[in-house]
Amino acid sequence: MAVATAVLLAWLAWGTAKYPEAFWAPGDLSRYHADITTCAGCHQPFRGAVAGQCITCHGGSRFAVQPKSGLFESHQKLMRAGKSCSGCHTEHRGAQAQITIGVGRWENP
């Protein structure tokens, strides 16, 4: 059992060091995030995707200029409540995937 565990850990370490994105990626990013080249662009180690990383690119000023009524306010309310962006927005489902789910009238183009 100890040898099997050691082999597994060595394989995980090798794969992580040599090919991190290919080794761990669950699927292709959507066309909306195709410019992101590293996992660290969205994910934090041992925590996954966190809202703080999303806000780096999708800050409040970006929502404020959107023409859709209520978009800015609804996102601000969710962020104040500590909600995760991934509760409504998904990734790693392919280039043509819809990344907004279950939000009714607000959909990605």
N, C-alpha and C. Protein backbone atom coordinates (compact mmCIF):
# COMPACT_ATOMS: atom_id res chain seq x y z
N MET A 1 0.82 -1.19 0.00
CA MET A 1 0.00 0.00 0.00
C MET A 1 0.87 1.26 0.00
N ALA A 2 1.94 1.24 0.77
CA ALA A 2 2.83 2.39 0.84
C ALA A 2 3.51 2.66 -0.51
N VAL A 3 3.89 1.60 -1.21
CA VAL A 3 4.54 1.76 -2.51
C VAL A 3 3.54 2.33 -3.52
N ALA A 4 2.31 1.82 -3.51
CA ALA A 4 1.28 2.33 -4.42
C ALA A 4 1.01 3.81 -4.15
N THR A 5 0.93 4.19 -2.90
CA THR A 5 0.71 5.59 -2.53
C THR A 5 1.87 6.46 -3.00
N ALA A 6 3.10 5.98 -2.81
CA ALA A 6 4.28 6.73 -3.23
C ALA A 6 4.30 6.90 -4.75
N VAL A 7 3.96 5.84 -5.48
CA VAL A 7 3.93 5.92 -6.94
C VAL A 7 2.86 6.92 -7.39
N LEU A 8 1.69 6.86 -6.78
CA LEU A 8 0.61 7.78 -7.13
C LEU A 8 1.02 9.23 -6.86
N LEU A 9 1.59 9.49 -5.71
CA LEU A 9 2.02 10.85 -5.37
C LEU A 9 3.13 11.34 -6.31
N ALA A 10 4.04 10.46 -6.68
CA ALA A 10 5.11 10.83 -7.61
C ALA A 10 4.52 11.17 -8.98
N TRP A 11 3.55 10.38 -9.43
CA TRP A 11 2.90 10.63 -10.72
C TRP A 11 2.16 11.98 -10.69
N LEU A 12 1.44 12.26 -9.60
CA LEU A 12 0.73 13.53 -9.47
C LEU A 12 1.71 14.71 -9.46
N ALA A 13 2.82 14.57 -8.76
CA ALA A 13 3.81 15.63 -8.69
C ALA A 13 4.43 15.87 -10.06
N TRP A 14 4.77 14.79 -10.78
CA TRP A 14 5.36 14.92 -12.11
C TRP A 14 4.38 15.60 -13.07
N GLY A 15 3.14 15.14 -13.09
CA GLY A 15 2.13 15.71 -13.99
C GLY A 15 1.86 17.17 -13.69
N THR A 16 1.82 17.51 -12.42
CA THR A 16 1.56 18.89 -12.01
C THR A 16 2.71 19.81 -12.41
N ALA A 17 3.93 19.34 -12.25
CA ALA A 17 5.10 20.15 -12.58
C ALA A 17 5.31 20.26 -14.09
N LYS A 18 5.13 19.17 -14.80
CA LYS A 18 5.44 19.12 -16.23
C LYS A 18 4.34 19.72 -17.12
N TYR A 19 3.08 19.38 -16.86
CA TYR A 19 1.96 19.80 -17.70
C TYR A 19 0.77 20.22 -16.83
N PRO A 20 0.86 21.28 -16.04
CA PRO A 20 -0.20 21.59 -15.08
C PRO A 20 -1.58 21.80 -15.70
N GLU A 21 -1.67 22.62 -16.76
CA GLU A 21 -3.00 22.88 -17.33
C GLU A 21 -3.59 21.63 -17.96
N ALA A 22 -2.81 20.92 -18.74
CA ALA A 22 -3.31 19.71 -19.39
C ALA A 22 -3.61 18.61 -18.37
N PHE A 23 -2.83 18.56 -17.32
CA PHE A 23 -2.98 17.50 -16.33
C PHE A 23 -4.22 17.69 -15.46
N TRP A 24 -4.54 18.93 -15.15
CA TRP A 24 -5.64 19.20 -14.22
C TRP A 24 -6.90 19.79 -14.84
N ALA A 25 -6.82 20.33 -16.06
CA ALA A 25 -7.96 21.02 -16.66
C ALA A 25 -9.13 20.07 -16.92
N PRO A 26 -10.31 20.41 -16.45
CA PRO A 26 -11.48 19.56 -16.65
C PRO A 26 -12.13 19.75 -18.02
N GLY A 27 -11.73 20.75 -18.79
CA GLY A 27 -12.30 20.99 -20.11
C GLY A 27 -11.87 22.34 -20.64
N ASP A 28 -12.16 22.58 -21.90
CA ASP A 28 -11.77 23.85 -22.54
C ASP A 28 -12.57 25.02 -21.98
N LEU A 29 -11.93 26.19 -21.95
CA LEU A 29 -12.60 27.42 -21.53
C LEU A 29 -13.56 27.90 -22.60
N SER A 30 -14.52 28.70 -22.21
CA SER A 30 -15.46 29.29 -23.17
C SER A 30 -14.75 30.35 -23.99
N ARG A 31 -15.41 30.78 -25.05
CA ARG A 31 -14.85 31.84 -25.90
C ARG A 31 -14.70 33.14 -25.13
N TYR A 32 -15.47 33.33 -24.08
CA TYR A 32 -15.40 34.56 -23.29
C TYR A 32 -14.10 34.67 -22.51
N HIS A 33 -13.50 33.54 -22.19
CA HIS A 33 -12.27 33.52 -21.40
C HIS A 33 -11.11 32.86 -22.13
N ALA A 34 -11.18 32.81 -23.45
CA ALA A 34 -10.15 32.14 -24.24
C ALA A 34 -8.78 32.78 -24.09
N ASP A 35 -8.72 34.05 -23.67
CA ASP A 35 -7.45 34.74 -23.51
C ASP A 35 -6.73 34.39 -22.21
N ILE A 36 -7.37 33.68 -21.31
CA ILE A 36 -6.74 33.28 -20.05
C ILE A 36 -5.86 32.08 -20.33
N THR A 37 -4.59 32.17 -19.97
CA THR A 37 -3.63 31.12 -20.34
C THR A 37 -3.16 30.25 -19.18
N THR A 38 -3.42 30.67 -17.95
CA THR A 38 -2.98 29.86 -16.81
C THR A 38 -4.13 29.64 -15.83
N CYS A 39 -4.07 28.57 -15.11
CA CYS A 39 -5.10 28.27 -14.11
C CYS A 39 -5.18 29.37 -13.06
N ALA A 40 -4.02 29.94 -12.70
CA ALA A 40 -3.96 30.98 -11.67
C ALA A 40 -4.69 32.25 -12.07
N GLY A 41 -5.07 32.37 -13.33
CA GLY A 41 -5.85 33.52 -13.76
C GLY A 41 -7.21 33.57 -13.09
N CYS A 42 -7.73 32.41 -12.70
CA CYS A 42 -9.05 32.32 -12.06
C CYS A 42 -9.04 31.57 -10.72
N HIS A 43 -8.11 30.64 -10.60
CA HIS A 43 -8.10 29.74 -9.44
C HIS A 43 -7.01 30.09 -8.44
N GLN A 44 -7.31 29.84 -7.18
CA GLN A 44 -6.31 29.93 -6.12
C GLN A 44 -6.03 28.51 -5.63
N PRO A 45 -4.79 28.21 -5.29
CA PRO A 45 -4.45 26.85 -4.84
C PRO A 45 -5.33 26.42 -3.66
N PHE A 46 -5.84 25.23 -3.76
CA PHE A 46 -6.65 24.57 -2.72
C PHE A 46 -7.99 25.26 -2.45
N ARG A 47 -8.35 26.27 -3.24
CA ARG A 47 -9.63 26.96 -3.07
C ARG A 47 -10.46 26.96 -4.34
N GLY A 48 -9.83 26.74 -5.48
CA GLY A 48 -10.55 26.77 -6.74
C GLY A 48 -10.78 28.19 -7.21
N ALA A 49 -11.79 28.36 -8.07
CA ALA A 49 -12.12 29.68 -8.59
C ALA A 49 -12.79 30.50 -7.49
N VAL A 50 -12.30 31.70 -7.28
CA VAL A 50 -12.85 32.56 -6.23
C VAL A 50 -13.25 33.91 -6.83
N ALA A 51 -14.24 34.54 -6.24
CA ALA A 51 -14.77 35.80 -6.75
C ALA A 51 -13.70 36.88 -6.86
N GLY A 52 -12.75 36.88 -5.96
CA GLY A 52 -11.69 37.89 -6.01
C GLY A 52 -10.92 37.86 -7.32
N GLN A 53 -10.73 36.67 -7.86
CA GLN A 53 -10.05 36.55 -9.14
C GLN A 53 -10.95 37.05 -10.27
N CYS A 54 -12.25 36.79 -10.19
CA CYS A 54 -13.19 37.26 -11.22
C CYS A 54 -13.23 38.78 -11.25
N ILE A 55 -13.23 39.39 -10.07
CA ILE A 55 -13.35 40.85 -9.95
C ILE A 55 -12.13 41.55 -10.53
N THR A 56 -11.00 40.85 -10.61
CA THR A 56 -9.81 41.43 -11.21
C THR A 56 -10.11 41.93 -12.62
N CYS A 57 -10.85 41.13 -13.39
CA CYS A 57 -11.20 41.52 -14.77
C CYS A 57 -12.62 42.08 -14.88
N HIS A 58 -13.51 41.62 -14.03
CA HIS A 58 -14.93 41.99 -14.11
C HIS A 58 -15.31 42.85 -12.92
N GLY A 59 -14.64 43.96 -12.75
CA GLY A 59 -14.89 44.84 -11.62
C GLY A 59 -16.19 45.62 -11.74
N GLY A 60 -16.53 46.34 -10.71
CA GLY A 60 -17.77 47.10 -10.65
C GLY A 60 -17.94 48.09 -11.79
N SER A 61 -16.85 48.73 -12.22
CA SER A 61 -16.98 49.72 -13.30
C SER A 61 -17.40 49.05 -14.60
N ARG A 62 -17.02 47.81 -14.81
CA ARG A 62 -17.43 47.09 -16.02
C ARG A 62 -18.94 46.86 -16.00
N PHE A 63 -19.49 46.49 -14.87
CA PHE A 63 -20.93 46.27 -14.77
C PHE A 63 -21.70 47.58 -14.87
N ALA A 64 -21.12 48.66 -14.38
CA ALA A 64 -21.82 49.95 -14.37
C ALA A 64 -22.08 50.48 -15.77
N VAL A 65 -21.26 50.11 -16.75
CA VAL A 65 -21.44 50.62 -18.10
C VAL A 65 -22.29 49.68 -18.97
N GLN A 66 -22.71 48.57 -18.43
CA GLN A 66 -23.53 47.63 -19.19
C GLN A 66 -24.92 48.22 -19.41
N PRO A 67 -25.49 48.05 -20.60
CA PRO A 67 -26.80 48.64 -20.89
C PRO A 67 -27.97 47.89 -20.25
N LYS A 68 -27.74 46.71 -19.75
CA LYS A 68 -28.86 45.92 -19.21
C LYS A 68 -29.24 46.45 -17.83
N SER A 69 -30.46 46.87 -17.69
CA SER A 69 -30.96 47.45 -16.45
C SER A 69 -30.85 46.47 -15.29
N GLY A 70 -30.31 46.92 -14.20
CA GLY A 70 -30.24 46.12 -12.99
C GLY A 70 -29.05 45.19 -12.89
N LEU A 71 -28.23 45.10 -13.94
CA LEU A 71 -27.10 44.18 -13.93
C LEU A 71 -26.09 44.55 -12.84
N PHE A 72 -25.74 45.81 -12.78
CA PHE A 72 -24.76 46.26 -11.80
C PHE A 72 -25.27 46.04 -10.38
N GLU A 73 -26.50 46.45 -10.12
CA GLU A 73 -27.07 46.33 -8.78
C GLU A 73 -27.19 44.87 -8.33
N SER A 74 -27.62 44.02 -9.24
CA SER A 74 -27.79 42.62 -8.86
C SER A 74 -26.45 41.96 -8.54
N HIS A 75 -25.41 42.29 -9.30
CA HIS A 75 -24.10 41.72 -9.01
C HIS A 75 -23.52 42.29 -7.71
N GLN A 76 -23.72 43.57 -7.47
CA GLN A 76 -23.23 44.17 -6.23
C GLN A 76 -23.89 43.51 -5.02
N LYS A 77 -25.19 43.28 -5.11
CA LYS A 77 -25.92 42.63 -4.02
C LYS A 77 -25.38 41.22 -3.75
N LEU A 78 -25.13 40.47 -4.80
CA LEU A 78 -24.61 39.11 -4.65
C LEU A 78 -23.19 39.12 -4.08
N MET A 79 -22.37 40.08 -4.53
CA MET A 79 -21.00 40.15 -4.02
C MET A 79 -20.99 40.53 -2.54
N ARG A 80 -21.86 41.46 -2.14
CA ARG A 80 -21.95 41.85 -0.72
C ARG A 80 -22.41 40.68 0.14
N ALA A 81 -23.24 39.82 -0.43
CA ALA A 81 -23.74 38.65 0.31
C ALA A 81 -22.72 37.51 0.34
N GLY A 82 -21.57 37.71 -0.33
CA GLY A 82 -20.52 36.71 -0.33
C GLY A 82 -20.79 35.53 -1.25
N LYS A 83 -21.66 35.72 -2.24
CA LYS A 83 -21.99 34.65 -3.17
C LYS A 83 -20.84 34.43 -4.15
N SER A 84 -20.69 33.20 -4.56
CA SER A 84 -19.66 32.85 -5.53
C SER A 84 -20.14 33.13 -6.95
N CYS A 85 -19.26 33.62 -7.78
CA CYS A 85 -19.60 33.85 -9.19
C CYS A 85 -19.97 32.55 -9.87
N SER A 86 -19.33 31.46 -9.45
CA SER A 86 -19.58 30.17 -10.09
C SER A 86 -20.96 29.59 -9.76
N GLY A 87 -21.70 30.25 -8.91
CA GLY A 87 -23.07 29.82 -8.66
C GLY A 87 -23.97 30.05 -9.86
N CYS A 88 -23.63 31.06 -10.67
CA CYS A 88 -24.40 31.37 -11.88
C CYS A 88 -23.58 31.24 -13.16
N HIS A 89 -22.27 31.33 -13.04
CA HIS A 89 -21.40 31.31 -14.21
C HIS A 89 -20.51 30.08 -14.16
N THR A 90 -20.51 29.32 -15.24
CA THR A 90 -19.70 28.10 -15.31
C THR A 90 -18.62 28.24 -16.38
N GLU A 91 -17.63 27.42 -16.29
CA GLU A 91 -16.55 27.37 -17.27
C GLU A 91 -16.18 25.92 -17.53
N HIS A 92 -15.18 25.76 -18.38
CA HIS A 92 -14.64 24.44 -18.71
C HIS A 92 -15.68 23.53 -19.36
N ARG A 93 -16.58 24.13 -20.16
CA ARG A 93 -17.59 23.33 -20.84
C ARG A 93 -17.46 23.45 -22.36
N GLY A 94 -16.35 24.03 -22.82
CA GLY A 94 -16.10 24.16 -24.24
C GLY A 94 -16.21 25.58 -24.74
N ALA A 95 -15.61 25.83 -25.91
CA ALA A 95 -15.52 27.17 -26.47
C ALA A 95 -16.89 27.79 -26.76
N GLN A 96 -17.85 27.00 -27.17
CA GLN A 96 -19.16 27.54 -27.54
C GLN A 96 -20.21 27.43 -26.43
N ALA A 97 -19.80 27.02 -25.27
CA ALA A 97 -20.75 26.82 -24.17
C ALA A 97 -21.34 28.12 -23.65
N GLN A 98 -22.56 28.05 -23.20
CA GLN A 98 -23.21 29.17 -22.50
C GLN A 98 -22.68 29.14 -21.07
N ILE A 99 -22.11 30.23 -20.58
CA ILE A 99 -21.53 30.20 -19.24
C ILE A 99 -22.42 30.81 -18.17
N THR A 100 -23.55 31.38 -18.56
CA THR A 100 -24.49 31.92 -17.58
C THR A 100 -25.64 30.93 -17.46
N ILE A 101 -25.88 30.45 -16.24
CA ILE A 101 -26.92 29.46 -16.04
C ILE A 101 -27.91 29.91 -14.98
N GLY A 102 -29.16 29.60 -15.18
CA GLY A 102 -30.17 29.82 -14.17
C GLY A 102 -30.38 31.24 -13.72
N VAL A 103 -30.18 32.21 -14.59
CA VAL A 103 -30.34 33.60 -14.17
C VAL A 103 -31.44 34.32 -14.92
N GLY A 104 -32.25 33.60 -15.64
CA GLY A 104 -33.41 34.21 -16.28
C GLY A 104 -33.08 35.11 -17.44
N ARG A 105 -33.35 36.39 -17.29
CA ARG A 105 -33.28 37.30 -18.43
C ARG A 105 -31.86 37.72 -18.80
N TRP A 106 -30.88 37.56 -17.94
CA TRP A 106 -29.53 37.97 -18.29
C TRP A 106 -28.77 36.78 -18.82
N GLU A 107 -28.43 36.83 -20.07
CA GLU A 107 -27.69 35.77 -20.72
C GLU A 107 -26.50 36.36 -21.46
N ASN A 108 -25.49 35.56 -21.66
CA ASN A 108 -24.35 36.01 -22.45
C ASN A 108 -24.73 36.02 -23.92
N PRO A 109 -24.13 36.93 -24.69
CA PRO A 109 -24.46 37.01 -26.12
C PRO A 109 -23.98 35.77 -26.85
